[in-house]
């Protein structure tokens, strides 16, 4: 791959990971705020969700449908990391199998565009 393509791909991966961290973190903050009746956490979560929307759409080099299709795979992986580290939840076999299908789908979406 030419260096320009590799740099663009790396930028896209960083953007998608940052967007997923903002979205999952925003959802987690809202959940935390609801459980503890803490409006500050809800407001922080809402702000993170707005930031997610801005970040995920910084890459206009690929179609919206493809962007969000690939993003879903990144979102799944990041959400599982949050689930384990923040909430102490362990993924079940069904989550792991379904997640593998989600990640495979994201790979198909990305690779089929080439």
PDB file of N, CA and C in Angstrom:
ATOM      1  N   UNK A   1       0.842  -1.191   0.000  1.00  0.00           N
ATOM      2  CA  UNK A   1       0.000   0.000   0.000  1.00  0.00           C
ATOM      3  C   UNK A   1       0.879   1.244   0.000  1.00  0.00           C
ATOM      4  N   UNK A   2       0.499   2.254  -0.770  1.00  0.00           N
ATOM      5  CA  UNK A   2       1.258   3.504  -0.752  1.00  0.00           C
ATOM      6  C   UNK A   2       1.165   4.165   0.621  1.00  0.00           C
ATOM      7  N   UNK A   3       2.203   4.913   1.011  1.00  0.00           N
ATOM      8  CA  UNK A   3       2.213   5.558   2.329  1.00  0.00           C
ATOM      9  C   UNK A   3       1.001   6.461   2.587  1.00  0.00           C
ATOM     10  N   UNK A   4       0.507   7.124   1.541  1.00  0.00           N
ATOM     11  CA  UNK A   4      -0.654   8.010   1.714  1.00  0.00           C
ATOM     12  C   UNK A   4      -1.884   7.199   2.106  1.00  0.00           C
ATOM     13  N   UNK A   5      -2.070   6.045   1.473  1.00  0.00           N
ATOM     14  CA  UNK A   5      -3.210   5.180   1.783  1.00  0.00           C
ATOM     15  C   UNK A   5      -3.080   4.631   3.199  1.00  0.00           C
ATOM     16  N   UNK A   6      -1.869   4.216   3.565  1.00  0.00           N
ATOM     17  CA  UNK A   6      -1.638   3.696   4.909  1.00  0.00           C
ATOM     18  C   UNK A   6      -1.920   4.770   5.957  1.00  0.00           C
ATOM     19  N   UNK A   7      -1.504   6.007   5.712  1.00  0.00           N
ATOM     20  CA  UNK A   7      -1.748   7.102   6.650  1.00  0.00           C
ATOM     21  C   UNK A   7      -3.234   7.395   6.771  1.00  0.00           C
ATOM     22  N   UNK A   8      -3.948   7.362   5.652  1.00  0.00           N
ATOM     23  CA  UNK A   8      -5.387   7.598   5.677  1.00  0.00           C
ATOM     24  C   UNK A   8      -6.095   6.493   6.447  1.00  0.00           C
ATOM     25  N   UNK A   9      -5.665   5.250   6.259  1.00  0.00           N
ATOM     26  CA  UNK A   9      -6.268   4.126   6.971  1.00  0.00           C
ATOM     27  C   UNK A   9      -5.999   4.226   8.474  1.00  0.00           C
ATOM     28  N   UNK A  10      -4.780   4.585   8.837  1.00  0.00           N
ATOM     29  CA  UNK A  10      -4.436   4.753  10.250  1.00  0.00           C
ATOM     30  C   UNK A  10      -5.264   5.873  10.873  1.00  0.00           C
ATOM     31  N   UNK A  11      -5.427   6.981  10.154  1.00  0.00           N
ATOM     32  CA  UNK A  11      -6.250   8.086  10.641  1.00  0.00           C
ATOM     33  C   UNK A  11      -7.680   7.618  10.867  1.00  0.00           C
ATOM     34  N   UNK A  12      -8.229   6.863   9.936  1.00  0.00           N
ATOM     35  CA  UNK A  12      -9.593   6.372  10.062  1.00  0.00           C
ATOM     36  C   UNK A  12      -9.737   5.470  11.284  1.00  0.00           C
ATOM     37  N   UNK A  13      -8.787   4.584  11.499  1.00  0.00           N
ATOM     38  CA  UNK A  13      -8.839   3.685  12.658  1.00  0.00           C
ATOM     39  C   UNK A  13      -8.798   4.485  13.954  1.00  0.00           C
ATOM     40  N   UNK A  14      -7.921   5.481  14.027  1.00  0.00           N
ATOM     41  CA  UNK A  14      -7.830   6.324  15.234  1.00  0.00           C
ATOM     42  C   UNK A  14      -9.130   7.073  15.464  1.00  0.00           C
ATOM     43  N   UNK A  15      -9.706   7.627  14.400  1.00  0.00           N
ATOM     44  CA  UNK A  15     -10.974   8.359  14.514  1.00  0.00           C
ATOM     45  C   UNK A  15     -12.082   7.429  14.998  1.00  0.00           C
ATOM     46  N   UNK A  16     -12.162   6.237  14.438  1.00  0.00           N
ATOM     47  CA  UNK A  16     -13.217   5.308  14.832  1.00  0.00           C
ATOM     48  C   UNK A  16     -13.059   4.843  16.274  1.00  0.00           C
ATOM     49  N   UNK A  17     -11.840   4.608  16.706  1.00  0.00           N
ATOM     50  CA  UNK A  17     -11.610   4.218  18.108  1.00  0.00           C
ATOM     51  C   UNK A  17     -11.969   5.373  19.034  1.00  0.00           C
ATOM     52  N   UNK A  18     -11.557   6.589  18.695  1.00  0.00           N
ATOM     53  CA  UNK A  18     -11.901   7.752  19.521  1.00  0.00           C
ATOM     54  C   UNK A  18     -13.408   7.941  19.598  1.00  0.00           C
ATOM     55  N   UNK A  19     -14.091   7.792  18.471  1.00  0.00           N
ATOM     56  CA  UNK A  19     -15.548   7.926  18.448  1.00  0.00           C
ATOM     57  C   UNK A  19     -16.199   6.857  19.316  1.00  0.00           C
ATOM     58  N   UNK A  20     -15.715   5.644  19.226  1.00  0.00           N
ATOM     59  CA  UNK A  20     -16.289   4.556  20.023  1.00  0.00           C
ATOM     60  C   UNK A  20     -16.070   4.787  21.511  1.00  0.00           C
ATOM     61  N   UNK A  21     -14.894   5.264  21.887  1.00  0.00           N
ATOM     62  CA  UNK A  21     -14.629   5.564  23.300  1.00  0.00           C
ATOM     63  C   UNK A  21     -15.581   6.650  23.790  1.00  0.00           C
ATOM     64  N   UNK A  22     -15.802   7.673  22.977  1.00  0.00           N
ATOM     65  CA  UNK A  22     -16.740   8.737  23.360  1.00  0.00           C
ATOM     66  C   UNK A  22     -18.165   8.204  23.468  1.00  0.00           C
ATOM     67  N   UNK A  23     -18.593   7.386  22.518  1.00  0.00           N
ATOM     68  CA  UNK A  23     -19.967   6.886  22.558  1.00  0.00           C
ATOM     69  C   UNK A  23     -20.180   5.923  23.723  1.00  0.00           C
ATOM     70  N   UNK A  24     -19.299   4.969  23.868  1.00  0.00           N
ATOM     71  CA  UNK A  24     -19.446   4.005  24.956  1.00  0.00           C
ATOM     72  C   UNK A  24     -19.272   4.705  26.304  1.00  0.00           C
ATOM     73  N   UNK A  25     -18.288   5.599  26.387  1.00  0.00           N
ATOM     74  CA  UNK A  25     -18.090   6.350  27.634  1.00  0.00           C
ATOM     75  C   UNK A  25     -19.291   7.218  27.968  1.00  0.00           C
ATOM     76  N   UNK A  26     -19.882   7.847  26.954  1.00  0.00           N
ATOM     77  CA  UNK A  26     -21.078   8.656  27.171  1.00  0.00           C
ATOM     78  C   UNK A  26     -22.238   7.813  27.661  1.00  0.00           C
ATOM     79  N   UNK A  27     -22.436   6.655  27.044  1.00  0.00           N
ATOM     80  CA  UNK A  27     -23.494   5.747  27.492  1.00  0.00           C
ATOM     81  C   UNK A  27     -23.244   5.281  28.930  1.00  0.00           C
ATOM     82  N   UNK A  28     -21.986   4.950  29.232  1.00  0.00           N
ATOM     83  CA  UNK A  28     -21.648   4.493  30.582  1.00  0.00           C
ATOM     84  C   UNK A  28     -21.865   5.612  31.606  1.00  0.00           C
ATOM     85  N   UNK A  29     -21.505   6.838  31.252  1.00  0.00           N
ATOM     86  CA  UNK A  29     -21.702   7.965  32.171  1.00  0.00           C
ATOM     87  C   UNK A  29     -23.188   8.201  32.430  1.00  0.00           C
ATOM     88  N   UNK A  30     -24.002   8.097  31.395  1.00  0.00           N
ATOM     89  CA  UNK A  30     -25.444   8.262  31.578  1.00  0.00           C
ATOM     90  C   UNK A  30     -25.993   7.144  32.468  1.00  0.00           C
ATOM     91  N   UNK A  31     -25.573   5.939  32.244  1.00  0.00           N
ATOM     92  CA  UNK A  31     -26.023   4.821  33.086  1.00  0.00           C
ATOM     93  C   UNK A  31     -25.626   5.064  34.542  1.00  0.00           C
ATOM     94  N   UNK A  32     -24.391   5.472  34.751  1.00  0.00           N
ATOM     95  CA  UNK A  32     -23.899   5.765  36.095  1.00  0.00           C
ATOM     96  C   UNK A  32     -24.736   6.874  36.737  1.00  0.00           C
ATOM     97  N   UNK A  33     -25.025   7.918  35.962  1.00  0.00           N
ATOM     98  CA  UNK A  33     -25.825   9.026  36.469  1.00  0.00           C
ATOM     99  C   UNK A  33     -27.245   8.617  36.806  1.00  0.00           C
ATOM    100  N   UNK A  34     -27.835   7.762  36.015  1.00  0.00           N
ATOM    101  CA  UNK A  34     -29.196   7.293  36.283  1.00  0.00           C
ATOM    102  C   UNK A  34     -29.250   6.418  37.530  1.00  0.00           C
ATOM    103  N   UNK A  35     -28.279   5.526  37.665  1.00  0.00           N
ATOM    104  CA  UNK A  35     -28.248   4.622  38.821  1.00  0.00           C
ATOM    105  C   UNK A  35     -28.040   5.409  40.114  1.00  0.00           C
ATOM    106  N   UNK A  36     -27.244   6.454  40.059  1.00  0.00           N
ATOM    107  CA  UNK A  36     -26.906   7.218  41.263  1.00  0.00           C
ATOM    108  C   UNK A  36     -27.657   8.552  41.365  1.00  0.00           C
ATOM    109  N   UNK A  37     -28.595   8.773  40.465  1.00  0.00           N
ATOM    110  CA  UNK A  37     -29.353  10.034  40.417  1.00  0.00           C
ATOM    111  C   UNK A  37     -28.412  11.242  40.441  1.00  0.00           C
ATOM    112  N   UNK A  38     -27.388  11.183  39.607  1.00  0.00           N
ATOM    113  CA  UNK A  38     -26.375  12.242  39.539  1.00  0.00           C
ATOM    114  C   UNK A  38     -26.461  12.919  38.176  1.00  0.00           C
ATOM    115  N   UNK A  39     -27.109  14.062  38.107  1.00  0.00           N
ATOM    116  CA  UNK A  39     -27.333  14.753  36.837  1.00  0.00           C
ATOM    117  C   UNK A  39     -26.026  15.167  36.179  1.00  0.00           C
ATOM    118  N   UNK A  40     -24.964  15.388  36.967  1.00  0.00           N
ATOM    119  CA  UNK A  40     -23.677  15.792  36.385  1.00  0.00           C
ATOM    120  C   UNK A  40     -23.137  14.701  35.458  1.00  0.00           C
ATOM    121  N   UNK A  41     -23.301  13.458  35.872  1.00  0.00           N
ATOM    122  CA  UNK A  41     -22.842  12.343  35.035  1.00  0.00           C
ATOM    123  C   UNK A  41     -23.687  12.232  33.777  1.00  0.00           C
ATOM    124  N   UNK A  42     -24.980  12.487  33.917  1.00  0.00           N
ATOM    125  CA  UNK A  42     -25.862  12.448  32.747  1.00  0.00           C
ATOM    126  C   UNK A  42     -25.462  13.544  31.761  1.00  0.00           C
ATOM    127  N   UNK A  43     -25.173  14.735  32.268  1.00  0.00           N
ATOM    128  CA  UNK A  43     -24.745  15.840  31.407  1.00  0.00           C
ATOM    129  C   UNK A  43     -23.401  15.523  30.746  1.00  0.00           C
ATOM    130  N   UNK A  44     -22.488  14.937  31.504  1.00  0.00           N
ATOM    131  CA  UNK A  44     -21.187  14.545  30.938  1.00  0.00           C
ATOM    132  C   UNK A  44     -21.389  13.511  29.833  1.00  0.00           C
ATOM    133  N   UNK A  45     -22.266  12.552  30.089  1.00  0.00           N
ATOM    134  CA  UNK A  45     -22.549  11.532  29.078  1.00  0.00           C
ATOM    135  C   UNK A  45     -23.156  12.136  27.820  1.00  0.00           C
ATOM    136  N   UNK A  46     -24.087  13.070  27.999  1.00  0.00           N
ATOM    137  CA  UNK A  46     -24.711  13.720  26.844  1.00  0.00           C
ATOM    138  C   UNK A  46     -23.663  14.487  26.036  1.00  0.00           C
ATOM    139  N   UNK A  47     -22.760  15.152  26.710  1.00  0.00           N
ATOM    140  CA  UNK A  47     -21.693  15.892  26.024  1.00  0.00           C
ATOM    141  C   UNK A  47     -20.781  14.941  25.244  1.00  0.00           C
ATOM    142  N   UNK A  48     -20.476  13.814  25.849  1.00  0.00           N
ATOM    143  CA  UNK A  48     -19.624  12.828  25.170  1.00  0.00           C
ATOM    144  C   UNK A  48     -20.324  12.275  23.935  1.00  0.00           C
ATOM    145  N   UNK A  49     -21.643  12.092  23.999  1.00  0.00           N
ATOM    146  CA  UNK A  49     -22.374  11.579  22.844  1.00  0.00           C
ATOM    147  C   UNK A  49     -22.413  12.592  21.698  1.00  0.00           C
ATOM    148  N   UNK A  50     -22.519  13.869  22.033  1.00  0.00           N
ATOM    149  CA  UNK A  50     -22.450  14.901  20.985  1.00  0.00           C
ATOM    150  C   UNK A  50     -21.050  14.898  20.370  1.00  0.00           C
ATOM    151  N   UNK A  51     -20.030  14.798  21.217  1.00  0.00           N
ATOM    152  CA  UNK A  51     -18.653  14.765  20.715  1.00  0.00           C
ATOM    153  C   UNK A  51     -18.434  13.551  19.815  1.00  0.00           C
ATOM    154  N   UNK A  52     -19.009  12.415  20.195  1.00  0.00           N
ATOM    155  CA  UNK A  52     -18.915  11.214  19.354  1.00  0.00           C
ATOM    156  C   UNK A  52     -19.451  11.504  17.958  1.00  0.00           C
ATOM    157  N   UNK A  53     -20.630  12.124  17.880  1.00  0.00           N
ATOM    158  CA  UNK A  53     -21.237  12.426  16.584  1.00  0.00           C
ATOM    159  C   UNK A  53     -20.363  13.305  15.721  1.00  0.00           C
ATOM    160  N   UNK A  54     -19.684  14.239  16.359  1.00  0.00           N
ATOM    161  CA  UNK A  54     -18.773  15.115  15.616  1.00  0.00           C
ATOM    162  C   UNK A  54     -17.529  14.355  15.153  1.00  0.00           C
ATOM    163  N   UNK A  55     -16.961  13.558  16.045  1.00  0.00           N
ATOM    164  CA  UNK A  55     -15.718  12.844  15.728  1.00  0.00           C
ATOM    165  C   UNK A  55     -15.945  11.793  14.645  1.00  0.00           C
ATOM    166  N   UNK A  56     -17.005  10.998  14.768  1.00  0.00           N
ATOM    167  CA  UNK A  56     -17.211   9.915  13.795  1.00  0.00           C
ATOM    168  C   UNK A  56     -17.429  10.471  12.390  1.00  0.00           C
ATOM    169  N   UNK A  57     -17.910  11.689  12.296  1.00  0.00           N
ATOM    170  CA  UNK A  57     -18.173  12.273  10.983  1.00  0.00           C
ATOM    171  C   UNK A  57     -17.035  13.148  10.451  1.00  0.00           C
ATOM    172  N   UNK A  58     -15.875  13.125  11.119  1.00  0.00           N
ATOM    173  CA  UNK A  58     -14.736  13.897  10.599  1.00  0.00           C
ATOM    174  C   UNK A  58     -14.195  13.302   9.312  1.00  0.00           C
ATOM    175  N   UNK A  59     -14.370  12.003   9.145  1.00  0.00           N
ATOM    176  CA  UNK A  59     -13.880  11.353   7.930  1.00  0.00           C
ATOM    177  C   UNK A  59     -14.987  11.347   6.890  1.00  0.00           C
ATOM    178  N   UNK A  60     -14.851  12.211   5.910  1.00  0.00           N
ATOM    179  CA  UNK A  60     -15.834  12.271   4.836  1.00  0.00           C
ATOM    180  C   UNK A  60     -15.285  11.630   3.556  1.00  0.00           C
ATOM    181  N   UNK A  61     -14.173  10.915   3.703  1.00  0.00           N
ATOM    182  CA  UNK A  61     -13.542  10.303   2.531  1.00  0.00           C
ATOM    183  C   UNK A  61     -14.219   8.998   2.123  1.00  0.00           C
ATOM    184  N   UNK A  62     -15.039   8.432   3.006  1.00  0.00           N
ATOM    185  CA  UNK A  62     -15.765   7.217   2.633  1.00  0.00           C
ATOM    186  C   UNK A  62     -17.255   7.454   2.855  1.00  0.00           C
ATOM    187  N   UNK A  63     -18.061   6.688   2.155  1.00  0.00           N
ATOM    188  CA  UNK A  63     -19.513   6.833   2.244  1.00  0.00           C
ATOM    189  C   UNK A  63     -19.998   6.632   3.674  1.00  0.00           C
ATOM    190  N   UNK A  64     -21.062   7.341   4.023  1.00  0.00           N
ATOM    191  CA  UNK A  64     -21.628   7.298   5.368  1.00  0.00           C
ATOM    192  C   UNK A  64     -21.995   5.868   5.769  1.00  0.00           C
ATOM    193  N   UNK A  65     -22.655   5.145   4.889  1.00  0.00           N
ATOM    194  CA  UNK A  65     -23.061   3.774   5.203  1.00  0.00           C
ATOM    195  C   UNK A  65     -21.878   2.867   5.467  1.00  0.00           C
ATOM    196  N   UNK A  66     -20.855   2.988   4.669  1.00  0.00           N
ATOM    197  CA  UNK A  66     -19.637   2.178   4.876  1.00  0.00           C
ATOM    198  C   UNK A  66     -18.935   2.591   6.158  1.00  0.00           C
ATOM    199  N   UNK A  67     -18.844   3.904   6.389  1.00  0.00           N
ATOM    200  CA  UNK A  67     -18.202   4.410   7.604  1.00  0.00           C
ATOM    201  C   UNK A  67     -18.868   3.833   8.844  1.00  0.00           C
ATOM    202  N   UNK A  68     -20.197   3.938   8.903  1.00  0.00           N
ATOM    203  CA  UNK A  68     -20.904   3.457  10.088  1.00  0.00           C
ATOM    204  C   UNK A  68     -20.924   1.940  10.155  1.00  0.00           C
ATOM    205  N   UNK A  69     -20.889   1.267   9.019  1.00  0.00           N
ATOM    206  CA  UNK A  69     -20.812  -0.192   9.021  1.00  0.00           C
ATOM    207  C   UNK A  69     -19.520  -0.678   9.658  1.00  0.00           C
ATOM    208  N   UNK A  70     -18.415  -0.067   9.289  1.00  0.00           N
ATOM    209  CA  UNK A  70     -17.122  -0.415   9.884  1.00  0.00           C
ATOM    210  C   UNK A  70     -17.089   0.034  11.341  1.00  0.00           C
ATOM    211  N   UNK A  71     -17.678   1.201  11.617  1.00  0.00           N
ATOM    212  CA  UNK A  71     -17.695   1.729  12.981  1.00  0.00           C
ATOM    213  C   UNK A  71     -18.387   0.767  13.947  1.00  0.00           C
ATOM    214  N   UNK A  72     -19.440   0.110  13.504  1.00  0.00           N
ATOM    215  CA  UNK A  72     -20.168  -0.819  14.378  1.00  0.00           C
ATOM    216  C   UNK A  72     -19.229  -1.898  14.915  1.00  0.00           C
ATOM    217  N   UNK A  73     -18.330  -2.394  14.079  1.00  0.00           N
ATOM    218  CA  UNK A  73     -17.378  -3.408  14.530  1.00  0.00           C
ATOM    219  C   UNK A  73     -16.435  -2.839  15.590  1.00  0.00           C
ATOM    220  N   UNK A  74     -15.936  -1.625  15.353  1.00  0.00           N
ATOM    221  CA  UNK A  74     -15.053  -0.976  16.329  1.00  0.00           C
ATOM    222  C   UNK A  74     -15.831  -0.703  17.625  1.00  0.00           C
ATOM    223  N   UNK A  75     -17.064  -0.219  17.484  1.00  0.00           N
ATOM    224  CA  UNK A  75     -17.914   0.055  18.643  1.00  0.00           C
ATOM    225  C   UNK A  75     -18.108  -1.205  19.484  1.00  0.00           C
ATOM    226  N   UNK A  76     -18.359  -2.329  18.831  1.00  0.00           N
ATOM    227  CA  UNK A  76     -18.567  -3.574  19.570  1.00  0.00           C
ATOM    228  C   UNK A  76     -17.346  -3.910  20.423  1.00  0.00           C
ATOM    229  N   UNK A  77     -16.165  -3.853  19.826  1.00  0.00           N
ATOM    230  CA  UNK A  77     -14.941  -4.214  20.552  1.00  0.00           C
ATOM    231  C   UNK A  77     -14.727  -3.261  21.732  1.00  0.00           C
ATOM    232  N   UNK A  78     -14.860  -1.961  21.500  1.00  0.00           N
ATOM    233  CA  UNK A  78     -14.660  -0.984  22.573  1.00  0.00           C
ATOM    234  C   UNK A  78     -15.709  -1.171  23.667  1.00  0.00           C
ATOM    235  N   UNK A  79     -16.951  -1.461  23.286  1.00  0.00           N
ATOM    236  CA  UNK A  79     -17.992  -1.645  24.306  1.00  0.00           C
ATOM    237  C   UNK A  79     -17.707  -2.869  25.183  1.00  0.00           C
ATOM    238  N   UNK A  80     -17.131  -3.898  24.603  1.00  0.00           N
ATOM    239  CA  UNK A  80     -16.794  -5.070  25.415  1.00  0.00           C
ATOM    240  C   UNK A  80     -15.646  -4.767  26.378  1.00  0.00           C
ATOM    241  N   UNK A  81     -14.685  -3.964  25.933  1.00  0.00           N
ATOM    242  CA  UNK A  81     -13.595  -3.556  26.823  1.00  0.00           C
ATOM    243  C   UNK A  81     -14.163  -2.759  28.001  1.00  0.00           C
ATOM    244  N   UNK A  82     -15.063  -1.813  27.724  1.00  0.00           N
ATOM    245  CA  UNK A  82     -15.699  -1.037  28.798  1.00  0.00           C
ATOM    246  C   UNK A  82     -16.504  -1.951  29.716  1.00  0.00           C
ATOM    247  N   UNK A  83     -17.241  -2.880  29.139  1.00  0.00           N
ATOM    248  CA  UNK A  83     -18.087  -3.777  29.913  1.00  0.00           C
ATOM    249  C   UNK A  83     -17.264  -4.561  30.937  1.00  0.00           C
ATOM    250  N   UNK A  84     -16.110  -5.032  30.508  1.00  0.00           N
ATOM    251  CA  UNK A  84     -15.245  -5.810  31.394  1.00  0.00           C
ATOM    252  C   UNK A  84     -14.556  -4.910  32.415  1.00  0.00           C
ATOM    253  N   UNK A  85     -13.996  -3.784  31.950  1.00  0.00           N
ATOM    254  CA  UNK A  85     -13.183  -2.958  32.850  1.00  0.00           C
ATOM    255  C   UNK A  85     -14.005  -2.062  33.773  1.00  0.00           C
ATOM    256  N   UNK A  86     -15.099  -1.499  33.308  1.00  0.00           N
ATOM    257  CA  UNK A  86     -15.893  -0.578  34.132  1.00  0.00           C
ATOM    258  C   UNK A  86     -16.972  -1.275  34.943  1.00  0.00           C
ATOM    259  N   UNK A  87     -17.606  -2.277  34.336  1.00  0.00           N
ATOM    260  CA  UNK A  87     -18.745  -2.902  34.986  1.00  0.00           C
ATOM    261  C   UNK A  87     -18.467  -4.321  35.483  1.00  0.00           C
ATOM    262  N   UNK A  88     -17.276  -4.846  35.209  1.00  0.00           N
ATOM    263  CA  UNK A  88     -16.910  -6.178  35.682  1.00  0.00           C
ATOM    264  C   UNK A  88     -17.719  -7.300  35.055  1.00  0.00           C
ATOM    265  N   UNK A  89     -18.298  -7.046  33.899  1.00  0.00           N
ATOM    266  CA  UNK A  89     -19.104  -8.059  33.217  1.00  0.00           C
ATOM    267  C   UNK A  89     -18.212  -8.881  32.295  1.00  0.00           C
ATOM    268  N   UNK A  90     -18.452 -10.156  32.251  1.00  0.00           N
ATOM    269  CA  UNK A  90     -17.701 -11.046  31.364  1.00  0.00           C
ATOM    270  C   UNK A  90     -18.583 -11.435  30.185  1.00  0.00           C
ATOM    271  N   UNK A  91     -18.051 -11.370  28.971  1.00  0.00           N
ATOM    272  CA  UNK A  91     -18.878 -11.734  27.810  1.00  0.00           C
ATOM    273  C   UNK A  91     -19.201 -13.226  27.805  1.00  0.00           C
ATOM    274  N   UNK A  92     -20.416 -13.517  27.432  1.00  0.00           N
ATOM    275  CA  UNK A  92     -20.852 -14.914  27.307  1.00  0.00           C
ATOM    276  C   UNK A  92     -20.382 -15.460  25.960  1.00  0.00           C
ATOM    277  N   UNK A  93     -20.564 -16.746  25.791  1.00  0.00           N
ATOM    278  CA  UNK A  93     -20.209 -17.366  24.508  1.00  0.00           C
ATOM    279  C   UNK A  93     -21.022 -16.744  23.378  1.00  0.00           C
ATOM    280  N   UNK A  94     -22.291 -16.463  23.635  1.00  0.00           N
ATOM    281  CA  UNK A  94     -23.137 -15.845  22.616  1.00  0.00           C
ATOM    282  C   UNK A  94     -22.633 -14.468  22.206  1.00  0.00           C
ATOM    283  N   UNK A  95     -22.192 -13.685  23.186  1.00  0.00           N
ATOM    284  CA  UNK A  95     -21.644 -12.360  22.870  1.00  0.00           C
ATOM    285  C   UNK A  95     -20.365 -12.500  22.054  1.00  0.00           C
ATOM    286  N   UNK A  96     -19.514 -13.427  22.431  1.00  0.00           N
ATOM    287  CA  UNK A  96     -18.255 -13.617  21.692  1.00  0.00           C
ATOM    288  C   UNK A  96     -18.503 -14.100  20.265  1.00  0.00           C
ATOM    289  N   UNK A  97     -19.432 -15.025  20.094  1.00  0.00           N
ATOM    290  CA  UNK A  97     -19.729 -15.530  18.746  1.00  0.00           C
ATOM    291  C   UNK A  97     -20.399 -14.435  17.911  1.00  0.00           C
ATOM    292  N   UNK A  98     -21.402 -13.782  18.490  1.00  0.00           N
ATOM    293  CA  UNK A  98     -22.061 -12.687  17.777  1.00  0.00           C
ATOM    294  C   UNK A  98     -21.093 -11.568  17.462  1.00  0.00           C
ATOM    295  N   UNK A  99     -20.215 -11.264  18.417  1.00  0.00           N
ATOM    296  CA  UNK A  99     -19.215 -10.223  18.202  1.00  0.00           C
ATOM    297  C   UNK A  99     -18.244 -10.573  17.090  1.00  0.00           C
ATOM    298  N   UNK A 100     -17.877 -11.843  17.012  1.00  0.00           N
ATOM    299  CA  UNK A 100     -16.994 -12.274  15.915  1.00  0.00           C
ATOM    300  C   UNK A 100     -17.679 -12.050  14.570  1.00  0.00           C
ATOM    301  N   UNK A 101     -18.981 -12.290  14.520  1.00  0.00           N
ATOM    302  CA  UNK A 101     -19.729 -12.043  13.283  1.00  0.00           C
ATOM    303  C   UNK A 101     -19.787 -10.548  12.963  1.00  0.00           C
ATOM    304  N   UNK A 102     -19.955  -9.717  13.984  1.00  0.00           N
ATOM    305  CA  UNK A 102     -19.975  -8.265  13.786  1.00  0.00           C
ATOM    306  C   UNK A 102     -18.627  -7.792  13.242  1.00  0.00           C
ATOM    307  N   UNK A 103     -17.551  -8.242  13.858  1.00  0.00           N
ATOM    308  CA  UNK A 103     -16.205  -7.840  13.419  1.00  0.00           C
ATOM    309  C   UNK A 103     -15.938  -8.365  12.003  1.00  0.00           C
ATOM    310  N   UNK A 104     -16.354  -9.591  11.729  1.00  0.00           N
ATOM    311  CA  UNK A 104     -16.187 -10.125  10.370  1.00  0.00           C
ATOM    312  C   UNK A 104     -16.979  -9.294   9.372  1.00  0.00           C
ATOM    313  N   UNK A 105     -18.164  -8.880   9.742  1.00  0.00           N
ATOM    314  CA  UNK A 105     -18.977  -8.022   8.870  1.00  0.00           C
ATOM    315  C   UNK A 105     -18.291  -6.702   8.598  1.00  0.00           C
ATOM    316  N   UNK A 106     -17.692  -6.101   9.623  1.00  0.00           N
ATOM    317  CA  UNK A 106     -16.955  -4.854   9.437  1.00  0.00           C
ATOM    318  C   UNK A 106     -15.781  -5.038   8.496  1.00  0.00           C
ATOM    319  N   UNK A 107     -15.100  -6.169   8.625  1.00  0.00           N
ATOM    320  CA  UNK A 107     -13.971  -6.451   7.724  1.00  0.00           C
ATOM    321  C   UNK A 107     -14.455  -6.622   6.290  1.00  0.00           C
ATOM    322  N   UNK A 108     -15.571  -7.305   6.106  1.00  0.00           N
ATOM    323  CA  UNK A 108     -16.114  -7.482   4.750  1.00  0.00           C
ATOM    324  C   UNK A 108     -16.467  -6.127   4.151  1.00  0.00           C
ATOM    325  N   UNK A 109     -17.128  -5.272   4.937  1.00  0.00           N
ATOM    326  CA  UNK A 109     -17.504  -3.937   4.449  1.00  0.00           C
ATOM    327  C   UNK A 109     -16.271  -3.160   4.018  1.00  0.00           C
ATOM    328  N   UNK A 110     -15.233  -3.178   4.840  1.00  0.00           N
ATOM    329  CA  UNK A 110     -14.021  -2.416   4.543  1.00  0.00           C
ATOM    330  C   UNK A 110     -13.256  -3.005   3.362  1.00  0.00           C
ATOM    331  N   UNK A 111     -13.089  -4.301   3.346  1.00  0.00           N
ATOM    332  CA  UNK A 111     -12.270  -4.939   2.297  1.00  0.00           C
ATOM    333  C   UNK A 111     -13.008  -4.991   0.955  1.00  0.00           C
ATOM    334  N   UNK A 112     -14.319  -5.088   0.986  1.00  0.00           N
ATOM    335  CA  UNK A 112     -15.082  -5.150  -0.267  1.00  0.00           C
ATOM    336  C   UNK A 112     -15.013  -3.832  -1.044  1.00  0.00           C
ATOM    337  N   UNK A 113     -14.688  -2.753  -0.353  1.00  0.00           N
ATOM    338  CA  UNK A 113     -14.598  -1.456  -1.008  1.00  0.00           C
ATOM    339  C   UNK A 113     -13.327  -1.302  -1.842  1.00  0.00           C
ATOM    340  N   UNK A 114     -12.408  -2.213  -1.676  1.00  0.00           N
ATOM    341  CA  UNK A 114     -11.119  -2.109  -2.378  1.00  0.00           C
ATOM    342  C   UNK A 114     -11.212  -2.736  -3.701  1.00  0.00           C
TER     343      UNK A 114
END
